[in-house]
Protein backbone atom coordinates (compact mmCIF):
# COMPACT_ATOMS: atom_id res chain seq x y z
CA MET A 1 50.17 -0.86 -18.58
CA LYS A 2 46.96 -2.90 -18.51
CA LYS A 3 48.47 -5.61 -20.70
CA THR A 4 51.52 -5.74 -18.45
CA LEU A 5 49.26 -5.98 -15.41
CA LEU A 6 47.31 -8.91 -16.85
CA ALA A 7 50.47 -10.71 -17.91
CA CYS A 8 51.83 -10.42 -14.39
CA LEU A 9 48.63 -11.55 -12.73
CA PHE A 10 48.33 -14.72 -14.81
CA GLY A 11 52.02 -15.48 -15.31
CA LEU A 12 54.06 -14.36 -12.33
CA GLY A 13 51.75 -13.52 -9.47
CA LEU A 14 50.43 -10.28 -8.01
CA GLY A 15 53.57 -9.36 -6.03
CA ALA A 16 55.84 -9.27 -9.08
CA CYS A 17 53.18 -7.40 -11.05
CA VAL A 18 52.71 -4.60 -8.58
CA ASN A 19 56.46 -4.05 -8.32
CA ALA A 20 56.90 -4.03 -12.10
CA ALA A 21 54.13 -1.45 -12.45
CA ASP A 22 56.02 0.85 -10.10
CA VAL A 23 59.17 0.90 -12.26
CA GLN A 24 59.67 4.20 -14.06
CA GLU A 25 63.27 3.81 -15.17
CA ILE A 26 65.72 0.99 -15.87
CA ASN A 27 69.41 1.83 -15.51
CA ILE A 28 71.72 -0.25 -17.71
CA ALA A 29 75.50 -0.19 -18.13
CA TYR A 30 76.58 0.51 -21.70
CA VAL A 31 79.70 -1.56 -22.39
CA LYS A 32 81.14 -1.33 -25.89
CA ALA A 33 84.50 -2.94 -25.03
CA PRO A 34 86.05 -5.27 -25.90
CA PHE A 35 83.68 -5.40 -28.87
CA ASN A 36 80.19 -5.93 -27.52
CA LEU A 37 78.42 -5.50 -30.82
CA GLN A 38 75.10 -6.65 -29.36
CA ASN A 39 75.21 -3.77 -26.86
CA ILE A 40 76.33 -1.26 -29.49
CA VAL A 41 73.53 -2.28 -31.87
CA MET A 42 70.97 -2.41 -29.07
CA LYS A 43 71.75 1.16 -28.04
CA HIS A 44 72.16 2.49 -31.59
CA ASN A 45 68.79 1.07 -32.68
CA GLN A 46 67.13 2.05 -29.37
CA MET A 47 65.86 -1.49 -28.97
CA MET A 48 65.50 -1.32 -25.19
CA GLU A 49 63.82 2.07 -25.36
CA LYS A 50 61.25 0.78 -27.87
CA GLU A 51 60.56 -2.33 -25.80
CA PHE A 52 59.68 -0.42 -22.63
CA ALA A 53 58.20 2.79 -24.09
CA LYS A 54 54.72 1.23 -24.22
CA ASP A 55 54.86 0.84 -20.43
CA GLY A 56 56.09 4.35 -19.79
CA ILE A 57 59.43 2.98 -18.56
CA LYS A 58 62.51 4.99 -19.49
CA VAL A 59 65.83 3.31 -20.23
CA LYS A 60 68.95 5.13 -19.07
CA TRP A 61 72.39 4.02 -20.28
CA HIS A 62 75.53 4.48 -18.18
CA ASP A 63 79.06 4.28 -19.61
CA ILE A 64 80.72 1.95 -17.11
CA THR A 65 83.33 -0.31 -18.69
CA SER A 66 84.90 -1.94 -15.63
CA GLY A 67 83.10 -5.01 -14.33
CA ALA A 68 84.20 -4.15 -10.80
CA LYS A 69 82.73 -0.65 -11.07
CA GLN A 70 79.52 -2.07 -12.53
CA THR A 71 79.09 -4.38 -9.53
CA GLN A 72 79.75 -1.45 -7.19
CA ALA A 73 77.04 0.58 -8.93
CA MET A 74 74.61 -2.33 -8.58
CA ALA A 75 75.44 -2.61 -4.88
CA ALA A 76 74.75 1.11 -4.51
CA GLY A 77 71.39 0.73 -6.26
CA SER A 78 72.25 3.10 -9.11
CA LEU A 79 72.44 0.33 -11.73
CA ASP A 80 69.86 -2.37 -12.45
CA ALA A 81 71.55 -4.24 -15.27
CA SER A 82 74.67 -4.51 -17.39
CA ALA A 83 74.59 -5.43 -21.06
CA ALA A 84 78.03 -7.03 -20.72
CA MET A 85 79.91 -8.06 -17.58
CA ASN A 86 82.74 -10.56 -17.20
CA THR A 87 82.09 -13.60 -15.02
CA ALA A 88 85.22 -13.01 -12.91
CA SER A 89 83.73 -9.75 -11.62
CA ILE A 90 80.41 -11.49 -10.99
CA LEU A 91 81.98 -14.28 -8.96
CA MET A 92 84.03 -11.85 -6.87
CA ALA A 93 81.04 -9.61 -6.27
CA ASN A 94 78.85 -12.46 -5.06
CA ALA A 95 81.64 -13.73 -2.81
CA ALA A 96 81.79 -10.25 -1.27
CA GLY A 97 78.06 -10.33 -0.51
CA ASN A 98 76.90 -8.33 -3.54
CA PRO A 99 74.28 -10.49 -5.35
CA ILE A 100 74.69 -10.18 -9.13
CA ARG A 101 72.71 -12.52 -11.37
CA ILE A 102 73.50 -13.80 -14.87
CA ALA A 103 70.45 -13.30 -17.11
CA THR A 104 71.83 -14.51 -20.47
CA GLY A 105 75.00 -14.82 -22.54
CA VAL A 106 76.89 -12.30 -24.67
CA ALA A 107 80.32 -13.46 -25.89
CA HIS A 108 83.40 -15.66 -25.37
CA PRO A 109 86.11 -13.18 -26.50
CA THR A 110 89.17 -15.31 -25.70
CA SER A 111 91.54 -13.51 -28.08
CA LEU A 112 90.32 -9.99 -27.29
CA PHE A 113 91.95 -9.62 -23.86
CA ALA A 114 95.70 -9.12 -23.67
CA ILE A 115 98.76 -8.03 -21.75
CA VAL A 116 100.59 -5.52 -23.93
CA GLY A 117 104.16 -4.31 -23.40
CA LYS A 118 105.33 -0.73 -23.97
CA PRO A 119 106.96 0.21 -27.30
CA GLY A 120 110.42 -1.28 -27.57
CA PRO A 121 111.83 -4.81 -27.49
CA GLN A 122 109.39 -7.72 -27.39
CA MET A 123 108.70 -8.76 -23.80
CA LYS A 124 107.79 -12.20 -22.49
CA ILE A 125 105.61 -13.04 -19.50
CA GLU A 126 108.77 -13.79 -17.48
CA ASP A 127 110.00 -10.25 -18.12
CA LEU A 128 107.10 -8.80 -16.10
CA LYS A 129 108.68 -9.80 -12.78
CA GLY A 130 109.58 -6.63 -10.92
CA LYS A 131 107.87 -4.48 -13.56
CA THR A 132 104.85 -2.14 -13.39
CA VAL A 133 101.63 -3.35 -15.02
CA VAL A 134 98.49 -1.20 -15.15
CA GLY A 135 94.90 -2.29 -15.67
CA PRO A 136 91.45 -2.66 -14.12
CA LYS A 137 91.53 -4.62 -10.87
CA GLY A 138 89.02 -7.39 -10.23
CA THR A 139 88.24 -8.01 -13.89
CA VAL A 140 88.82 -10.71 -16.48
CA LEU A 141 91.92 -8.76 -17.57
CA HIS A 142 93.28 -8.91 -14.03
CA GLN A 143 92.53 -12.62 -14.00
CA THR A 144 94.41 -12.97 -17.30
CA LEU A 145 97.49 -11.30 -15.79
CA VAL A 146 97.44 -13.52 -12.70
CA ALA A 147 96.97 -16.63 -14.85
CA ALA A 148 99.86 -15.62 -17.12
CA LEU A 149 102.21 -14.98 -14.21
CA THR A 150 101.35 -18.18 -12.35
CA SER A 151 101.76 -20.20 -15.57
CA LYS A 152 105.44 -19.21 -15.45
CA GLY A 153 105.83 -19.75 -11.71
CA ILE A 154 105.82 -16.02 -10.92
CA ASP A 155 104.10 -14.82 -7.76
CA PRO A 156 101.68 -12.00 -8.75
CA LYS A 157 103.00 -10.08 -5.74
CA ASP A 158 106.33 -9.80 -7.55
CA VAL A 159 104.68 -7.50 -10.11
CA ASN A 160 103.82 -3.89 -9.30
CA PHE A 161 100.18 -3.93 -10.35
CA ILE A 162 98.41 -0.56 -10.38
CA ASN A 163 94.63 -0.38 -10.66
CA MET A 164 93.74 1.81 -13.63
CA ASP A 165 90.94 1.85 -16.21
CA ILE A 166 91.79 0.69 -19.73
CA PRO A 167 92.05 4.08 -21.53
CA LYS A 168 94.24 5.61 -18.81
CA GLY A 169 96.29 2.43 -18.61
CA MET A 170 96.96 2.49 -22.33
CA THR A 171 98.00 6.16 -22.18
CA ALA A 172 100.36 5.48 -19.27
CA MET A 173 101.94 2.51 -21.01
CA MET A 174 102.37 4.28 -24.35
CA ALA A 175 104.01 7.20 -22.50
CA GLY A 176 106.47 4.82 -20.86
CA LYS A 177 105.09 5.35 -17.36
CA ALA A 178 104.23 1.65 -17.12
CA ASP A 179 105.97 -1.39 -18.53
CA ALA A 180 102.78 -3.11 -19.63
CA ALA A 181 99.02 -2.57 -19.72
CA LEU A 182 95.97 -4.80 -19.71
CA LEU A 183 94.05 -3.99 -22.89
CA ALA A 184 91.06 -5.25 -24.83
CA ALA A 185 89.96 -5.50 -28.45
CA SER A 186 90.42 -2.27 -30.42
CA GLY A 187 92.78 -1.00 -27.72
CA ILE A 188 95.16 -3.85 -28.54
CA TYR A 189 95.11 -2.95 -32.23
CA LYS A 190 95.71 0.74 -31.54
CA ALA A 191 98.56 0.00 -29.13
CA ASN A 192 100.18 -2.36 -31.62
CA GLU A 193 99.93 0.30 -34.31
CA GLY A 194 101.77 2.65 -31.95
CA GLY A 195 104.67 0.24 -31.50
CA ALA A 196 103.52 -1.63 -28.38
CA LYS A 197 103.79 -5.41 -28.55
CA THR A 198 101.37 -8.03 -27.28
CA ILE A 199 102.94 -10.22 -24.60
CA ALA A 200 100.07 -12.68 -24.17
CA THR A 201 96.33 -12.99 -24.75
CA ALA A 202 93.79 -14.84 -22.63
CA GLN A 203 93.93 -17.70 -25.15
CA GLY A 204 95.16 -20.79 -23.35
CA LEU A 205 95.16 -19.07 -19.96
CA ILE A 206 91.51 -18.51 -19.08
CA GLN A 207 88.10 -18.79 -20.76
CA PRO A 208 86.59 -15.26 -20.76
CA ASN A 209 82.83 -15.13 -20.66
CA LEU A 210 80.80 -11.93 -21.00
CA VAL A 211 77.19 -12.11 -19.88
CA PHE A 212 74.13 -9.88 -19.46
CA THR A 213 73.54 -9.33 -15.76
CA VAL A 214 71.02 -7.83 -13.36
CA SER A 215 71.30 -6.97 -9.69
CA GLY A 216 69.97 -9.58 -7.30
CA LYS A 217 67.39 -7.08 -6.04
CA PHE A 218 66.11 -6.33 -9.56
CA ALA A 219 65.97 -10.04 -10.42
CA LYS A 220 63.94 -10.80 -7.30
CA GLU A 221 61.53 -7.88 -7.57
CA HIS A 222 61.04 -7.73 -11.35
CA PRO A 223 61.35 -11.19 -12.95
CA GLN A 224 59.06 -10.23 -15.83
CA LEU A 225 61.19 -7.22 -16.71
CA VAL A 226 64.30 -9.42 -16.61
CA GLU A 227 62.69 -11.72 -19.17
CA ARG A 228 62.05 -8.74 -21.44
CA LEU A 229 65.63 -7.49 -21.06
CA VAL A 230 66.82 -10.94 -22.10
CA LYS A 231 64.40 -10.95 -25.03
CA VAL A 232 65.78 -7.67 -26.37
CA ASN A 233 69.37 -8.81 -25.86
CA ARG A 234 68.66 -11.90 -27.98
CA GLU A 235 66.88 -9.82 -30.59
CA ALA A 236 70.04 -7.75 -30.88
CA HIS A 237 72.09 -10.90 -31.44
CA GLN A 238 69.68 -11.96 -34.18
CA TRP A 239 69.70 -8.50 -35.77
CA ILE A 240 73.49 -8.73 -36.08
CA LYS A 241 73.15 -12.07 -37.86
CA ASP A 242 70.52 -10.68 -40.23
CA HIS A 243 72.32 -7.36 -40.88
CA LYS A 244 75.98 -8.27 -40.46
CA GLN A 245 77.53 -5.57 -42.68
CA GLU A 246 75.40 -2.80 -41.20
CA ALA A 247 76.15 -4.02 -37.69
CA LEU A 248 79.90 -4.03 -38.39
CA GLU A 249 79.72 -0.49 -39.75
CA ILE A 250 77.91 0.67 -36.61
CA GLY A 251 80.49 -1.07 -34.41
CA ALA A 252 83.43 0.30 -36.40
CA LYS A 253 82.15 3.85 -36.07
CA GLU A 254 81.56 3.49 -32.34
CA HIS A 255 85.11 2.18 -31.76
CA GLY A 256 86.82 4.47 -34.28
CA ILE A 257 88.27 1.59 -36.27
CA SER A 258 88.03 0.22 -39.81
CA VAL A 259 85.20 -2.11 -40.80
CA LYS A 260 87.81 -4.80 -41.47
CA THR A 261 89.15 -4.51 -37.93
CA ALA A 262 85.58 -4.57 -36.65
CA GLU A 263 85.01 -7.79 -38.57
CA ASN A 264 88.14 -9.34 -37.03
CA LEU A 265 86.99 -8.33 -33.57
CA ALA A 266 83.50 -9.70 -34.18
CA ASP A 267 84.95 -13.02 -35.36
CA GLY A 268 87.08 -13.21 -32.23
CA SER A 269 84.17 -12.39 -29.93
CA HIS A 270 82.28 -15.66 -30.44
CA PHE A 271 78.88 -14.14 -29.68
CA TYR A 272 76.24 -16.34 -28.06
CA ASP A 273 73.04 -15.87 -26.06
CA THR A 274 72.32 -19.03 -24.07
CA LEU A 275 74.58 -20.56 -21.43
CA THR A 276 75.39 -24.27 -21.63
CA GLN A 277 76.71 -26.82 -19.16
CA LYS A 278 80.19 -26.00 -20.46
CA ASP A 279 79.71 -22.40 -19.32
CA LEU A 280 78.62 -23.57 -15.87
CA ASP A 281 81.65 -25.87 -15.64
CA GLU A 282 83.95 -22.99 -16.61
CA LEU A 283 82.35 -20.78 -13.96
CA ALA A 284 83.22 -23.42 -11.38
CA ALA A 285 86.78 -23.64 -12.76
CA ASP A 286 87.14 -19.84 -12.65
CA GLN A 287 85.93 -19.82 -9.06
CA LYS A 288 88.57 -22.40 -8.14
CA PHE A 289 91.28 -20.31 -9.80
CA LEU A 290 90.13 -17.05 -8.16
CA ARG A 291 89.97 -18.72 -4.73
CA GLU A 292 93.42 -20.29 -5.09
CA ASN A 293 94.93 -16.94 -6.04
CA GLY A 294 93.31 -14.93 -3.26
CA MET A 295 90.90 -13.01 -5.50
CA MET A 296 87.79 -14.48 -3.83
CA ALA A 297 87.23 -14.79 -0.08
CA LYS A 298 84.77 -17.68 -0.25
CA ASP A 299 82.90 -19.97 -2.64
CA VAL A 300 79.51 -19.05 -4.07
CA ASN A 301 76.69 -21.25 -5.32
CA ILE A 302 77.09 -21.22 -9.13
CA LYS A 303 73.52 -22.39 -9.71
CA GLU A 304 72.17 -19.59 -7.55
CA ILE A 305 73.83 -16.80 -9.54
CA VAL A 306 72.63 -18.10 -12.95
CA LEU A 307 68.97 -17.27 -13.63
CA PRO A 308 66.71 -19.72 -15.52
CA THR A 309 66.50 -17.15 -18.37
CA ALA A 310 70.19 -17.71 -19.10
CA LEU A 311 69.69 -21.39 -19.84
CA LYS A 312 66.69 -21.31 -22.15
């Protein structure tokens, strides 16, 4: 702890140092879907645990897949960070007064989010009017559905949308209790294998962006710890590059899929670790879309929600 204390004193100021020294546990959301290989590898190799063990800080992982539920946990103070959260959830959370900050990048999985129709005849987006669609509300998948419907001139209100997490949604759809479900990555493959047919992916509709986030409170009180979280996240990205086959095998096992499918999912994830101006522009475009479609109550300051660590 002495080294941490000195680093704080000379680099960040006494206030940040004292707060960091008081931290005994960091709570992080473990998000393996759609195919967050960086998070899977990070947890499998205990990279976060090793980073903070020398300071006596424990790392506790929480299985929370929904971005909306992650932001709720951060608001409640039970979650400090998320290894992968979609930017739609972040924008909506901040607009609702829940400060969530983007610490660094994770992936641009455009082809790994989809609207999938129940087994039977191939459905088109237009066929969803008057039908029941299940999926997680307030997420990039929800945004994909709204974008798909509006692209065909369909009012989202004309679809019976039921809020449901991805696994339950898939089960309901495959059982014929819903006409379509919002699925991601390996879930799409498994549904297709069971006879369900993909209606549309996010490709051409929205630009999904998954990022590593921290609560606004954690970012303000522990900037040095945020930098270390980002460092480990980027080390995980590099480890995947240096040990691709091993990383794919770890990811395949975690998702219960073949290594070949894991490779396809990894290729479609477009992993990255530093935001660019293009990402900031797309955040602004997403905000405009969410506002126009009643998914955000007010605008937020894009620059305020992106931490300096995300851009360097």
